[in-house]
Amino acid sequence: MPKRKKLVNIKDIAKEAKCSISSVSFALNEPNRIGANTRRHILRIARELGYSRVKKLKHRGTIGLVSDDYYNLIFGEFYNMVAFGILEELKKRNTNTLIESTGRDPEYFPKMITKSKVDGVLFLGKCSRDIIYIAQQKNIPIVLVGHPIPDIELPAVVPDGRSGAYQATKHLIELGHKKIALISGEPRYDPTVSERIDGYRFALNQSGIIVPEHYIEEADFGKPDSAINATKRLLGLTSPPTAIFCLSDSLAYRAYEAIKSLGLRIPEDISVVGFDDISAPNYALLPQPGLTTIHVDRKMVGTSSVEILFDILSNKKKPALRYSLPVGLVVKKSTAAPKTFQ
């Protein structure tokens, strides 16, 4: 009979990492108690050696919800409704919920994970690879919600960004626009952004339209006001665009501010398209004109994430799949034919 492969233990990791066993234990169980560089080194070695715990988790009847920012979770324009969908679905399943935020601090490790207080975790937005790895070593099932990690095979639920960007750009092309700019919310290598840029480029290429690289401006999803200067830079070009596609509604509404501050009209002088179809509370009004955008059923993103996590809890051998939820164009009053076509 072939020899059974020897399981890697923390002594093996300590030997390879040239550190103490206690340091390895801290890195895996109490990561806040060890220096960042040492922790990263140990976790990298553990991954390379294929370290995996065999101890089963005690069933606790609790699901964890981890966000990169409490503000986005509660008040944010996208994840607040995703969280509502998650909490509503968990309530239907009579499941307790623990909520923590990393505060966008890569050195913070949620205690629900380090202390194994949950049966599974839903990660909203971005999260560090170290947190993911520690959760995996504790056999805590994970679903990424809204933001995948390209080089880590984990179940993820995201809106279909490529399709949405294609629909938005195609709409502008069909109106007669050829000078279509884009304002992103993260660097181009970000998986969410790169997908949407792919959809934008595909629609343009399909129509034989070549757009210069300086028509793509980078802003910040977390700081929507950054879209104001991005818009002004685009409109200050020698050959400015006749339409701007923003990768979120919050960026698009800041583009509105910039356009109006320059004495231009929407859509008479320039068309604007957003992404997400953010609605306003009953006591508030969104900027006018109504924004043409890509509708994302954010509540469904949350509900689907819970359903997938429970599927994994019932079958932990289930392969890691990425689930792209359908999106659709909603045409309102912020888009029209460019002046030369009117």
C-alpha atoms as a PDB file:
ATOM      1  CA  MET A   1       0.000   0.000   0.000  1.00  0.00           C
ATOM      2  CA  PRO A   2       1.220   3.538  -0.727  1.00  0.00           C
ATOM      3  CA  LYS A   3       2.350   5.528   2.294  1.00  0.00           C
ATOM      4  CA  ARG A   4      -0.152   7.970   3.685  1.00  0.00           C
ATOM      5  CA  LYS A   5       1.035  11.518   3.191  1.00  0.00           C
ATOM      6  CA  LYS A   6       2.290  13.016   6.451  1.00  0.00           C
ATOM      7  CA  LEU A   7       0.153  15.863   7.717  1.00  0.00           C
ATOM      8  CA  VAL A   8       1.936  19.153   8.205  1.00  0.00           C
ATOM      9  CA  ASN A   9       1.890  20.419  11.805  1.00  0.00           C
ATOM     10  CA  ILE A  10       2.956  23.650  13.473  1.00  0.00           C
ATOM     11  CA  LYS A  11       6.380  22.179  14.315  1.00  0.00           C
ATOM     12  CA  ASP A  12       7.012  21.712  10.590  1.00  0.00           C
ATOM     13  CA  ILE A  13       5.974  25.299   9.931  1.00  0.00           C
ATOM     14  CA  ALA A  14       8.213  26.600  12.731  1.00  0.00           C
ATOM     15  CA  LYS A  15      11.187  24.673  11.385  1.00  0.00           C
ATOM     16  CA  GLU A  16      10.709  25.913   7.826  1.00  0.00           C
ATOM     17  CA  ALA A  17       9.975  29.484   8.917  1.00  0.00           C
ATOM     18  CA  LYS A  18      12.939  29.446  11.341  1.00  0.00           C
ATOM     19  CA  CYS A  19      10.837  30.692  14.246  1.00  0.00           C
ATOM     20  CA  SER A  20       9.394  29.387  17.496  1.00  0.00           C
ATOM     21  CA  ILE A  21       6.350  27.145  17.750  1.00  0.00           C
ATOM     22  CA  SER A  22       4.657  29.812  19.865  1.00  0.00           C
ATOM     23  CA  SER A  23       5.106  32.343  17.021  1.00  0.00           C
ATOM     24  CA  VAL A  24       3.396  29.935  14.619  1.00  0.00           C
ATOM     25  CA  SER A  25       0.575  29.426  17.108  1.00  0.00           C
ATOM     26  CA  PHE A  26       0.118  33.182  17.480  1.00  0.00           C
ATOM     27  CA  ALA A  27       0.117  33.692  13.690  1.00  0.00           C
ATOM     28  CA  LEU A  28      -2.619  31.082  13.242  1.00  0.00           C
ATOM     29  CA  ASN A  29      -4.700  31.700  16.365  1.00  0.00           C
ATOM     30  CA  GLU A  30      -4.009  35.193  17.722  1.00  0.00           C
ATOM     31  CA  PRO A  31      -2.584  37.129  14.747  1.00  0.00           C
ATOM     32  CA  ASN A  32      -2.964  40.481  16.503  1.00  0.00           C
ATOM     33  CA  ARG A  33      -0.297  39.416  19.006  1.00  0.00           C
ATOM     34  CA  ILE A  34       2.521  39.067  16.486  1.00  0.00           C
ATOM     35  CA  GLY A  35       4.285  41.515  14.183  1.00  0.00           C
ATOM     36  CA  ALA A  36       2.874  41.906  10.699  1.00  0.00           C
ATOM     37  CA  ASN A  37       6.041  40.878   8.834  1.00  0.00           C
ATOM     38  CA  THR A  38       6.561  37.782  10.987  1.00  0.00           C
ATOM     39  CA  ARG A  39       2.897  36.829  10.654  1.00  0.00           C
ATOM     40  CA  ARG A  40       2.918  37.174   6.865  1.00  0.00           C
ATOM     41  CA  HIS A  41       6.098  35.107   6.646  1.00  0.00           C
ATOM     42  CA  ILE A  42       4.637  32.310   8.793  1.00  0.00           C
ATOM     43  CA  LEU A  43       1.307  32.270   6.943  1.00  0.00           C
ATOM     44  CA  ARG A  44       3.112  32.142   3.599  1.00  0.00           C
ATOM     45  CA  ILE A  45       5.166  29.156   4.764  1.00  0.00           C
ATOM     46  CA  ALA A  46       2.036  27.452   6.111  1.00  0.00           C
ATOM     47  CA  ARG A  47       0.309  27.879   2.747  1.00  0.00           C
ATOM     48  CA  GLU A  48       3.327  26.593   0.825  1.00  0.00           C
ATOM     49  CA  LEU A  49       3.564  23.501   3.055  1.00  0.00           C
ATOM     50  CA  GLY A  50      -0.148  22.820   2.605  1.00  0.00           C
ATOM     51  CA  TYR A  51      -0.963  23.133   6.292  1.00  0.00           C
ATOM     52  CA  SER A  52      -4.586  22.313   7.097  1.00  0.00           C
ATOM     53  CA  ARG A  53      -6.345  21.647  10.365  1.00  0.00           C
ATOM     54  CA  VAL A  54      -8.338  18.461  10.729  1.00  0.00           C
ATOM     55  CA  LYS A  55     -10.328  19.450  13.813  1.00  0.00           C
ATOM     56  CA  LYS A  56     -14.011  19.935  13.086  1.00  0.00           C
ATOM     57  CA  LEU A  57     -15.764  23.087  14.193  1.00  0.00           C
ATOM     58  CA  LYS A  58     -18.428  22.886  16.847  1.00  0.00           C
ATOM     59  CA  HIS A  59     -21.801  23.846  15.405  1.00  0.00           C
ATOM     60  CA  ARG A  60     -22.784  27.221  16.860  1.00  0.00           C
ATOM     61  CA  GLY A  61     -25.840  28.222  14.809  1.00  0.00           C
ATOM     62  CA  THR A  62     -24.202  31.570  14.074  1.00  0.00           C
ATOM     63  CA  ILE A  63     -23.064  33.212  10.839  1.00  0.00           C
ATOM     64  CA  GLY A  64     -20.493  36.003  10.735  1.00  0.00           C
ATOM     65  CA  LEU A  65     -20.766  39.130   8.632  1.00  0.00           C
ATOM     66  CA  VAL A  66     -17.464  40.972   8.146  1.00  0.00           C
ATOM     67  CA  SER A  67     -17.297  44.340   6.419  1.00  0.00           C
ATOM     68  CA  ASP A  68     -14.320  46.512   5.583  1.00  0.00           C
ATOM     69  CA  ASP A  69     -16.175  49.528   6.986  1.00  0.00           C
ATOM     70  CA  TYR A  70     -19.114  49.894   9.404  1.00  0.00           C
ATOM     71  CA  TYR A  71     -20.225  53.068   7.614  1.00  0.00           C
ATOM     72  CA  ASN A  72     -20.608  51.271   4.279  1.00  0.00           C
ATOM     73  CA  LEU A  73     -22.374  48.407   5.993  1.00  0.00           C
ATOM     74  CA  ILE A  74     -25.012  50.598   7.634  1.00  0.00           C
ATOM     75  CA  PHE A  75     -25.192  53.829   5.632  1.00  0.00           C
ATOM     76  CA  GLY A  76     -23.303  53.037   2.441  1.00  0.00           C
ATOM     77  CA  GLU A  77     -25.025  53.398  -0.897  1.00  0.00           C
ATOM     78  CA  PHE A  78     -24.355  49.799  -2.004  1.00  0.00           C
ATOM     79  CA  TYR A  79     -23.655  47.406   0.866  1.00  0.00           C
ATOM     80  CA  ASN A  80     -26.406  48.632   3.176  1.00  0.00           C
ATOM     81  CA  MET A  81     -29.062  46.916   1.033  1.00  0.00           C
ATOM     82  CA  VAL A  82     -26.835  43.864   0.570  1.00  0.00           C
ATOM     83  CA  ALA A  83     -26.582  43.599   4.365  1.00  0.00           C
ATOM     84  CA  PHE A  84     -30.367  43.987   4.640  1.00  0.00           C
ATOM     85  CA  GLY A  85     -30.817  41.028   2.269  1.00  0.00           C
ATOM     86  CA  ILE A  86     -28.356  38.957   4.295  1.00  0.00           C
ATOM     87  CA  LEU A  87     -29.929  39.728   7.676  1.00  0.00           C
ATOM     88  CA  GLU A  88     -33.450  39.149   6.401  1.00  0.00           C
ATOM     89  CA  GLU A  89     -32.493  35.744   4.960  1.00  0.00           C
ATOM     90  CA  LEU A  90     -30.643  34.708   8.121  1.00  0.00           C
ATOM     91  CA  LYS A  91     -33.694  35.647  10.190  1.00  0.00           C
ATOM     92  CA  LYS A  92     -35.853  33.371   8.012  1.00  0.00           C
ATOM     93  CA  ARG A  93     -33.402  30.569   8.763  1.00  0.00           C
ATOM     94  CA  ASN A  94     -33.473  31.272  12.532  1.00  0.00           C
ATOM     95  CA  THR A  95     -29.748  31.904  12.491  1.00  0.00           C
ATOM     96  CA  ASN A  96     -27.818  34.234  14.803  1.00  0.00           C
ATOM     97  CA  THR A  97     -25.524  36.862  13.292  1.00  0.00           C
ATOM     98  CA  LEU A  98     -22.251  38.371  14.488  1.00  0.00           C
ATOM     99  CA  ILE A  99     -21.124  41.570  12.748  1.00  0.00           C
ATOM    100  CA  GLU A 100     -17.601  42.981  12.753  1.00  0.00           C
ATOM    101  CA  SER A 101     -15.692  45.535  10.699  1.00  0.00           C
ATOM    102  CA  THR A 102     -11.984  45.529   9.950  1.00  0.00           C
ATOM    103  CA  GLY A 103     -12.082  49.310   9.619  1.00  0.00           C
ATOM    104  CA  ARG A 104     -10.012  48.852   6.448  1.00  0.00           C
ATOM    105  CA  ASP A 105      -7.120  47.882   8.718  1.00  0.00           C
ATOM    106  CA  PRO A 106      -5.180  44.915   7.251  1.00  0.00           C
ATOM    107  CA  GLU A 107      -3.730  44.259  10.712  1.00  0.00           C
ATOM    108  CA  TYR A 108      -7.124  43.758  12.367  1.00  0.00           C
ATOM    109  CA  PHE A 109      -8.411  40.197  12.665  1.00  0.00           C
ATOM    110  CA  PRO A 110     -12.090  39.688  13.587  1.00  0.00           C
ATOM    111  CA  LYS A 111     -12.443  37.736  16.830  1.00  0.00           C
ATOM    112  CA  MET A 112     -15.345  35.790  15.392  1.00  0.00           C
ATOM    113  CA  ILE A 113     -12.722  34.143  13.153  1.00  0.00           C
ATOM    114  CA  THR A 114      -9.699  33.898  15.436  1.00  0.00           C
ATOM    115  CA  LYS A 115     -11.874  32.487  18.247  1.00  0.00           C
ATOM    116  CA  SER A 116     -13.949  30.240  15.910  1.00  0.00           C
ATOM    117  CA  LYS A 117     -17.253  31.740  17.066  1.00  0.00           C
ATOM    118  CA  VAL A 118     -19.157  31.218  13.795  1.00  0.00           C
ATOM    119  CA  ASP A 119     -20.137  28.394  11.437  1.00  0.00           C
ATOM    120  CA  GLY A 120     -19.417  30.450   8.334  1.00  0.00           C
ATOM    121  CA  VAL A 121     -18.479  33.964   7.249  1.00  0.00           C
ATOM    122  CA  LEU A 122     -19.757  36.375   4.618  1.00  0.00           C
ATOM    123  CA  PHE A 123     -17.137  38.964   3.648  1.00  0.00           C
ATOM    124  CA  LEU A 124     -18.573  42.237   2.311  1.00  0.00           C
ATOM    125  CA  GLY A 125     -16.203  44.267   0.182  1.00  0.00           C
ATOM    126  CA  LYS A 126     -12.441  43.915   0.353  1.00  0.00           C
ATOM    127  CA  CYS A 127     -10.614  41.761   2.876  1.00  0.00           C
ATOM    128  CA  SER A 128      -7.000  40.769   3.413  1.00  0.00           C
ATOM    129  CA  ARG A 129      -5.607  37.435   2.282  1.00  0.00           C
ATOM    130  CA  ASP A 130      -4.317  36.781   5.809  1.00  0.00           C
ATOM    131  CA  ILE A 131      -7.828  36.942   7.261  1.00  0.00           C
ATOM    132  CA  ILE A 132      -9.057  34.598   4.542  1.00  0.00           C
ATOM    133  CA  TYR A 133      -6.249  32.128   5.181  1.00  0.00           C
ATOM    134  CA  ILE A 134      -6.777  32.044   8.950  1.00  0.00           C
ATOM    135  CA  ALA A 135     -10.512  31.419   8.417  1.00  0.00           C
ATOM    136  CA  GLN A 136      -9.652  28.580   6.019  1.00  0.00           C
ATOM    137  CA  GLN A 137      -7.269  26.991   8.539  1.00  0.00           C
ATOM    138  CA  LYS A 138     -10.050  26.975  11.092  1.00  0.00           C
ATOM    139  CA  ASN A 139     -12.333  25.221   8.571  1.00  0.00           C
ATOM    140  CA  ILE A 140     -14.716  28.181   8.537  1.00  0.00           C
ATOM    141  CA  PRO A 141     -16.574  28.271   5.192  1.00  0.00           C
ATOM    142  CA  ILE A 142     -16.373  31.624   3.405  1.00  0.00           C
ATOM    143  CA  VAL A 143     -18.344  33.459   0.736  1.00  0.00           C
ATOM    144  CA  LEU A 144     -17.027  36.696  -0.752  1.00  0.00           C
ATOM    145  CA  VAL A 145     -19.819  39.206  -1.342  1.00  0.00           C
ATOM    146  CA  GLY A 146     -19.419  41.906  -3.973  1.00  0.00           C
ATOM    147  CA  HIS A 147     -15.672  41.709  -4.370  1.00  0.00           C
ATOM    148  CA  PRO A 148     -13.774  38.577  -5.498  1.00  0.00           C
ATOM    149  CA  ILE A 149     -10.065  37.942  -4.985  1.00  0.00           C
ATOM    150  CA  PRO A 150      -8.549  36.860  -8.314  1.00  0.00           C
ATOM    151  CA  ASP A 151      -5.898  34.427  -7.079  1.00  0.00           C
ATOM    152  CA  ILE A 152      -7.892  32.753  -4.279  1.00  0.00           C
ATOM    153  CA  GLU A 153     -10.462  30.095  -5.121  1.00  0.00           C
ATOM    154  CA  LEU A 154     -13.449  30.986  -2.978  1.00  0.00           C
ATOM    155  CA  PRO A 155     -17.176  31.187  -3.631  1.00  0.00           C
ATOM    156  CA  ALA A 156     -18.069  34.753  -4.617  1.00  0.00           C
ATOM    157  CA  VAL A 157     -21.321  36.556  -5.409  1.00  0.00           C
ATOM    158  CA  VAL A 158     -21.014  39.629  -7.621  1.00  0.00           C
ATOM    159  CA  PRO A 159     -23.170  41.656 -10.004  1.00  0.00           C
ATOM    160  CA  ASP A 160     -22.315  40.971 -13.656  1.00  0.00           C
ATOM    161  CA  GLY A 161     -20.059  43.981 -14.145  1.00  0.00           C
ATOM    162  CA  ARG A 162     -18.939  43.086 -17.652  1.00  0.00           C
ATOM    163  CA  SER A 163     -22.513  42.789 -18.924  1.00  0.00           C
ATOM    164  CA  GLY A 164     -23.589  45.973 -17.123  1.00  0.00           C
ATOM    165  CA  ALA A 165     -20.736  48.035 -18.549  1.00  0.00           C
ATOM    166  CA  TYR A 166     -21.421  46.651 -22.009  1.00  0.00           C
ATOM    167  CA  GLN A 167     -25.111  47.598 -21.776  1.00  0.00           C
ATOM    168  CA  ALA A 168     -24.311  51.110 -20.527  1.00  0.00           C
ATOM    169  CA  THR A 169     -21.737  51.779 -23.243  1.00  0.00           C
ATOM    170  CA  LYS A 170     -23.898  50.239 -25.973  1.00  0.00           C
ATOM    171  CA  HIS A 171     -26.757  52.527 -24.955  1.00  0.00           C
ATOM    172  CA  LEU A 172     -24.549  55.593 -25.412  1.00  0.00           C
ATOM    173  CA  ILE A 173     -23.259  54.319 -28.760  1.00  0.00           C
ATOM    174  CA  GLU A 174     -26.813  53.754 -29.990  1.00  0.00           C
ATOM    175  CA  LEU A 175     -27.614  57.371 -29.085  1.00  0.00           C
ATOM    176  CA  GLY A 176     -24.787  58.421 -31.426  1.00  0.00           C
ATOM    177  CA  HIS A 177     -21.931  58.985 -28.960  1.00  0.00           C
ATOM    178  CA  LYS A 178     -18.415  58.105 -30.090  1.00  0.00           C
ATOM    179  CA  LYS A 179     -16.434  60.071 -27.492  1.00  0.00           C
ATOM    180  CA  ILE A 180     -17.323  58.095 -24.363  1.00  0.00           C
ATOM    181  CA  ALA A 181     -15.162  58.460 -21.258  1.00  0.00           C
ATOM    182  CA  LEU A 182     -15.113  56.265 -18.147  1.00  0.00           C
ATOM    183  CA  ILE A 183     -14.532  57.094 -14.473  1.00  0.00           C
ATOM    184  CA  SER A 184     -13.513  54.070 -12.408  1.00  0.00           C
ATOM    185  CA  GLY A 185     -13.518  53.736  -8.627  1.00  0.00           C
ATOM    186  CA  GLU A 186     -10.368  51.688  -8.074  1.00  0.00           C
ATOM    187  CA  PRO A 187      -7.112  50.941  -9.940  1.00  0.00           C
ATOM    188  CA  ARG A 188      -7.639  49.154 -13.251  1.00  0.00           C
ATOM    189  CA  TYR A 189      -6.203  45.870 -11.944  1.00  0.00           C
ATOM    190  CA  ASP A 190      -8.965  45.632  -9.318  1.00  0.00           C
ATOM    191  CA  PRO A 191     -11.158  42.652 -10.378  1.00  0.00           C
ATOM    192  CA  THR A 192     -14.447  44.538 -10.133  1.00  0.00           C
ATOM    193  CA  VAL A 193     -13.120  47.503 -12.114  1.00  0.00           C
ATOM    194  CA  SER A 194     -11.264  45.445 -14.725  1.00  0.00           C
ATOM    195  CA  GLU A 195     -14.441  43.518 -15.550  1.00  0.00           C
ATOM    196  CA  ARG A 196     -16.401  46.710 -16.106  1.00  0.00           C
ATOM    197  CA  ILE A 197     -13.636  48.226 -18.197  1.00  0.00           C
ATOM    198  CA  ASP A 198     -13.662  45.034 -20.281  1.00  0.00           C
ATOM    199  CA  GLY A 199     -17.388  45.461 -20.951  1.00  0.00           C
ATOM    200  CA  TYR A 200     -16.880  49.116 -21.844  1.00  0.00           C
ATOM    201  CA  ARG A 201     -14.003  48.342 -24.223  1.00  0.00           C
ATOM    202  CA  PHE A 202     -15.854  45.424 -25.826  1.00  0.00           C
ATOM    203  CA  ALA A 203     -18.853  47.590 -26.709  1.00  0.00           C
ATOM    204  CA  LEU A 204     -16.567  50.258 -28.196  1.00  0.00           C
ATOM    205  CA  ASN A 205     -14.471  47.766 -30.156  1.00  0.00           C
ATOM    206  CA  GLN A 206     -17.588  46.035 -31.423  1.00  0.00           C
ATOM    207  CA  SER A 207     -18.698  49.352 -32.922  1.00  0.00           C
ATOM    208  CA  GLY A 208     -15.259  50.186 -34.299  1.00  0.00           C
ATOM    209  CA  ILE A 209     -14.759  53.095 -31.889  1.00  0.00           C
ATOM    210  CA  ILE A 210     -11.243  53.818 -30.668  1.00  0.00           C
ATOM    211  CA  VAL A 211     -11.113  55.713 -27.386  1.00  0.00           C
ATOM    212  CA  PRO A 212      -7.847  57.295 -26.185  1.00  0.00           C
ATOM    213  CA  GLU A 213      -6.398  56.025 -22.902  1.00  0.00           C
ATOM    214  CA  HIS A 214      -6.794  59.450 -21.264  1.00  0.00           C
ATOM    215  CA  TYR A 215     -10.566  58.980 -21.560  1.00  0.00           C
ATOM    216  CA  ILE A 216     -10.313  56.536 -18.630  1.00  0.00           C
ATOM    217  CA  GLU A 217      -9.990  58.381 -15.311  1.00  0.00           C
ATOM    218  CA  GLU A 218      -9.456  56.815 -11.887  1.00  0.00           C
ATOM    219  CA  ALA A 219     -11.448  57.943  -8.846  1.00  0.00           C
ATOM    220  CA  ASP A 220     -12.159  56.231  -5.497  1.00  0.00           C
ATOM    221  CA  PHE A 221     -15.359  54.342  -4.607  1.00  0.00           C
ATOM    222  CA  GLY A 222     -14.723  55.123  -0.933  1.00  0.00           C
ATOM    223  CA  LYS A 223     -14.228  58.838  -1.638  1.00  0.00           C
ATOM    224  CA  PRO A 224     -16.828  59.712  -4.277  1.00  0.00           C
ATOM    225  CA  ASP A 225     -15.835  63.394  -4.290  1.00  0.00           C
ATOM    226  CA  SER A 226     -12.728  62.272  -6.183  1.00  0.00           C
ATOM    227  CA  ALA A 227     -14.992  61.999  -9.244  1.00  0.00           C
ATOM    228  CA  ILE A 228     -15.407  65.791  -9.277  1.00  0.00           C
ATOM    229  CA  ASN A 229     -11.810  66.456 -10.291  1.00  0.00           C
ATOM    230  CA  ALA A 230     -11.793  63.419 -12.561  1.00  0.00           C
ATOM    231  CA  THR A 231     -14.771  64.858 -14.442  1.00  0.00           C
ATOM    232  CA  LYS A 232     -13.177  68.281 -14.686  1.00  0.00           C
ATOM    233  CA  ARG A 233     -10.012  66.746 -16.106  1.00  0.00           C
ATOM    234  CA  LEU A 234     -12.030  64.958 -18.778  1.00  0.00           C
ATOM    235  CA  LEU A 235     -14.022  68.042 -19.705  1.00  0.00           C
ATOM    236  CA  GLY A 236     -10.845  70.118 -19.819  1.00  0.00           C
ATOM    237  CA  LEU A 237      -9.332  67.986 -22.577  1.00  0.00           C
ATOM    238  CA  THR A 238      -8.751  69.524 -26.015  1.00  0.00           C
ATOM    239  CA  SER A 239     -11.272  67.026 -27.369  1.00  0.00           C
ATOM    240  CA  PRO A 240     -13.593  66.358 -24.401  1.00  0.00           C
ATOM    241  CA  PRO A 241     -16.041  63.440 -24.285  1.00  0.00           C
ATOM    242  CA  THR A 242     -19.719  63.847 -25.076  1.00  0.00           C
ATOM    243  CA  ALA A 243     -20.661  61.151 -22.543  1.00  0.00           C
ATOM    244  CA  ILE A 244     -19.225  59.827 -19.268  1.00  0.00           C
ATOM    245  CA  PHE A 245     -19.838  56.341 -17.879  1.00  0.00           C
ATOM    246  CA  CYS A 246     -19.183  56.164 -14.116  1.00  0.00           C
ATOM    247  CA  LEU A 247     -18.661  52.797 -12.435  1.00  0.00           C
ATOM    248  CA  SER A 248     -20.996  53.665  -9.564  1.00  0.00           C
ATOM    249  CA  ASP A 249     -23.943  55.985  -9.039  1.00  0.00           C
ATOM    250  CA  SER A 250     -22.152  57.814  -6.233  1.00  0.00           C
ATOM    251  CA  LEU A 251     -19.354  58.718  -8.651  1.00  0.00           C
ATOM    252  CA  ALA A 252     -21.909  59.731 -11.285  1.00  0.00           C
ATOM    253  CA  TYR A 253     -23.656  62.144  -8.926  1.00  0.00           C
ATOM    254  CA  ARG A 254     -20.318  63.805  -8.155  1.00  0.00           C
ATOM    255  CA  ALA A 255     -19.774  64.059 -11.908  1.00  0.00           C
ATOM    256  CA  TYR A 256     -23.103  65.923 -11.982  1.00  0.00           C
ATOM    257  CA  GLU A 257     -21.632  68.484  -9.567  1.00  0.00           C
ATOM    258  CA  ALA A 258     -18.575  69.040 -11.729  1.00  0.00           C
ATOM    259  CA  ILE A 259     -20.590  69.338 -14.937  1.00  0.00           C
ATOM    260  CA  LYS A 260     -23.016  71.863 -13.459  1.00  0.00           C
ATOM    261  CA  SER A 261     -20.185  73.871 -11.885  1.00  0.00           C
ATOM    262  CA  LEU A 262     -18.762  74.331 -15.385  1.00  0.00           C
ATOM    263  CA  GLY A 263     -22.072  75.732 -16.617  1.00  0.00           C
ATOM    264  CA  LEU A 264     -22.885  72.650 -18.695  1.00  0.00           C
ATOM    265  CA  ARG A 265     -26.234  70.871 -18.920  1.00  0.00           C
ATOM    266  CA  ILE A 266     -27.125  67.184 -18.537  1.00  0.00           C
ATOM    267  CA  PRO A 267     -27.900  65.643 -20.999  1.00  0.00           C
ATOM    268  CA  GLU A 268     -27.956  68.534 -23.494  1.00  0.00           C
ATOM    269  CA  ASP A 269     -24.193  69.130 -23.305  1.00  0.00           C
ATOM    270  CA  ILE A 270     -23.011  65.836 -21.883  1.00  0.00           C
ATOM    271  CA  SER A 271     -24.636  62.487 -21.063  1.00  0.00           C
ATOM    272  CA  VAL A 272     -23.927  60.597 -17.841  1.00  0.00           C
ATOM    273  CA  VAL A 273     -24.484  56.923 -16.953  1.00  0.00           C
ATOM    274  CA  GLY A 274     -23.987  55.296 -13.550  1.00  0.00           C
ATOM    275  CA  PHE A 275     -23.899  51.765 -12.117  1.00  0.00           C
ATOM    276  CA  ASP A 276     -25.927  50.281  -9.188  1.00  0.00           C
ATOM    277  CA  ASP A 277     -29.319  52.091  -9.464  1.00  0.00           C
ATOM    278  CA  ILE A 278     -29.117  53.581  -5.970  1.00  0.00           C
ATOM    279  CA  SER A 279     -32.471  54.741  -4.628  1.00  0.00           C
ATOM    280  CA  ALA A 280     -33.038  57.623  -2.226  1.00  0.00           C
ATOM    281  CA  PRO A 281     -34.748  57.357   1.191  1.00  0.00           C
ATOM    282  CA  ASN A 282     -38.310  58.654   1.365  1.00  0.00           C
ATOM    283  CA  TYR A 283     -37.151  61.885   2.996  1.00  0.00           C
ATOM    284  CA  ALA A 284     -34.497  62.683   0.377  1.00  0.00           C
ATOM    285  CA  LEU A 285     -34.225  63.468  -3.315  1.00  0.00           C
ATOM    286  CA  LEU A 286     -31.492  62.399  -5.671  1.00  0.00           C
ATOM    287  CA  PRO A 287     -29.859  64.990  -7.948  1.00  0.00           C
ATOM    288  CA  GLN A 288     -31.684  65.709 -11.186  1.00  0.00           C
ATOM    289  CA  PRO A 289     -32.067  64.767 -13.978  1.00  0.00           C
ATOM    290  CA  GLY A 290     -32.805  61.133 -13.187  1.00  0.00           C
ATOM    291  CA  LEU A 291     -29.670  59.069 -13.732  1.00  0.00           C
ATOM    292  CA  THR A 292     -29.515  56.445 -16.466  1.00  0.00           C
ATOM    293  CA  THR A 293     -27.835  53.530 -14.727  1.00  0.00           C
ATOM    294  CA  ILE A 294     -27.325  49.790 -14.435  1.00  0.00           C
ATOM    295  CA  HIS A 295     -29.742  48.184 -11.995  1.00  0.00           C
ATOM    296  CA  VAL A 296     -28.242  45.803  -9.430  1.00  0.00           C
ATOM    297  CA  ASP A 297     -30.615  43.897  -7.171  1.00  0.00           C
ATOM    298  CA  ARG A 298     -28.507  44.463  -4.065  1.00  0.00           C
ATOM    299  CA  LYS A 299     -30.923  42.677  -1.775  1.00  0.00           C
ATOM    300  CA  MET A 300     -30.657  39.612  -4.036  1.00  0.00           C
ATOM    301  CA  VAL A 301     -26.858  39.796  -3.766  1.00  0.00           C
ATOM    302  CA  GLY A 302     -27.253  39.414   0.009  1.00  0.00           C
ATOM    303  CA  THR A 303     -29.931  36.723  -0.129  1.00  0.00           C
ATOM    304  CA  SER A 304     -27.998  34.673  -2.691  1.00  0.00           C
ATOM    305  CA  SER A 305     -24.833  34.901  -0.582  1.00  0.00           C
ATOM    306  CA  VAL A 306     -26.622  33.324   2.385  1.00  0.00           C
ATOM    307  CA  GLU A 307     -28.114  30.581   0.210  1.00  0.00           C
ATOM    308  CA  ILE A 308     -24.683  29.718  -1.178  1.00  0.00           C
ATOM    309  CA  LEU A 309     -23.075  29.700   2.271  1.00  0.00           C
ATOM    310  CA  PHE A 310     -25.711  27.284   3.577  1.00  0.00           C
ATOM    311  CA  ASP A 311     -25.167  25.051   0.547  1.00  0.00           C
ATOM    312  CA  ILE A 312     -21.480  24.923   1.479  1.00  0.00           C
ATOM    313  CA  LEU A 313     -22.274  24.217   5.137  1.00  0.00           C
ATOM    314  CA  SER A 314     -24.307  21.194   4.051  1.00  0.00           C
ATOM    315  CA  ASN A 315     -21.648  20.060   1.552  1.00  0.00           C
ATOM    316  CA  LYS A 316     -18.145  21.297   2.352  1.00  0.00           C
ATOM    317  CA  LYS A 317     -16.734  19.491  -0.689  1.00  0.00           C
ATOM    318  CA  LYS A 318     -18.774  21.741  -2.957  1.00  0.00           C
ATOM    319  CA  PRO A 319     -16.399  23.405  -5.475  1.00  0.00           C
ATOM    320  CA  ALA A 320     -15.711  27.128  -5.194  1.00  0.00           C
ATOM    321  CA  LEU A 321     -17.837  28.837  -7.832  1.00  0.00           C
ATOM    322  CA  ARG A 322     -18.297  32.440  -8.793  1.00  0.00           C
ATOM    323  CA  TYR A 323     -21.905  33.552  -9.101  1.00  0.00           C
ATOM    324  CA  SER A 324     -22.580  36.540 -11.378  1.00  0.00           C
ATOM    325  CA  LEU A 325     -26.036  37.964 -10.813  1.00  0.00           C
ATOM    326  CA  PRO A 326     -27.839  39.549 -13.780  1.00  0.00           C
ATOM    327  CA  VAL A 327     -28.024  43.327 -14.124  1.00  0.00           C
ATOM    328  CA  GLY A 328     -30.007  45.560 -16.467  1.00  0.00           C
ATOM    329  CA  LEU A 329     -30.001  49.004 -18.032  1.00  0.00           C
ATOM    330  CA  VAL A 330     -32.465  51.556 -16.633  1.00  0.00           C
ATOM    331  CA  VAL A 331     -32.833  54.533 -18.980  1.00  0.00           C
ATOM    332  CA  LYS A 332     -33.790  57.825 -17.331  1.00  0.00           C
ATOM    333  CA  LYS A 333     -33.155  61.474 -18.206  1.00  0.00           C
ATOM    334  CA  SER A 334     -29.368  61.843 -18.024  1.00  0.00           C
ATOM    335  CA  THR A 335     -28.624  60.517 -21.513  1.00  0.00           C
ATOM    336  CA  ALA A 336     -29.463  61.877 -24.967  1.00  0.00           C
ATOM    337  CA  ALA A 337     -27.945  62.092 -28.428  1.00  0.00           C
ATOM    338  CA  PRO A 338     -24.816  64.276 -28.647  1.00  0.00           C
ATOM    339  CA  LYS A 339     -25.364  67.786 -29.973  1.00  0.00           C
ATOM    340  CA  THR A 340     -24.328  66.979 -33.528  1.00  0.00           C
ATOM    341  CA  PHE A 341     -27.059  64.324 -33.660  1.00  0.00           C
ATOM    342  CA  GLN A 342     -29.864  66.443 -32.181  1.00  0.00           C
END
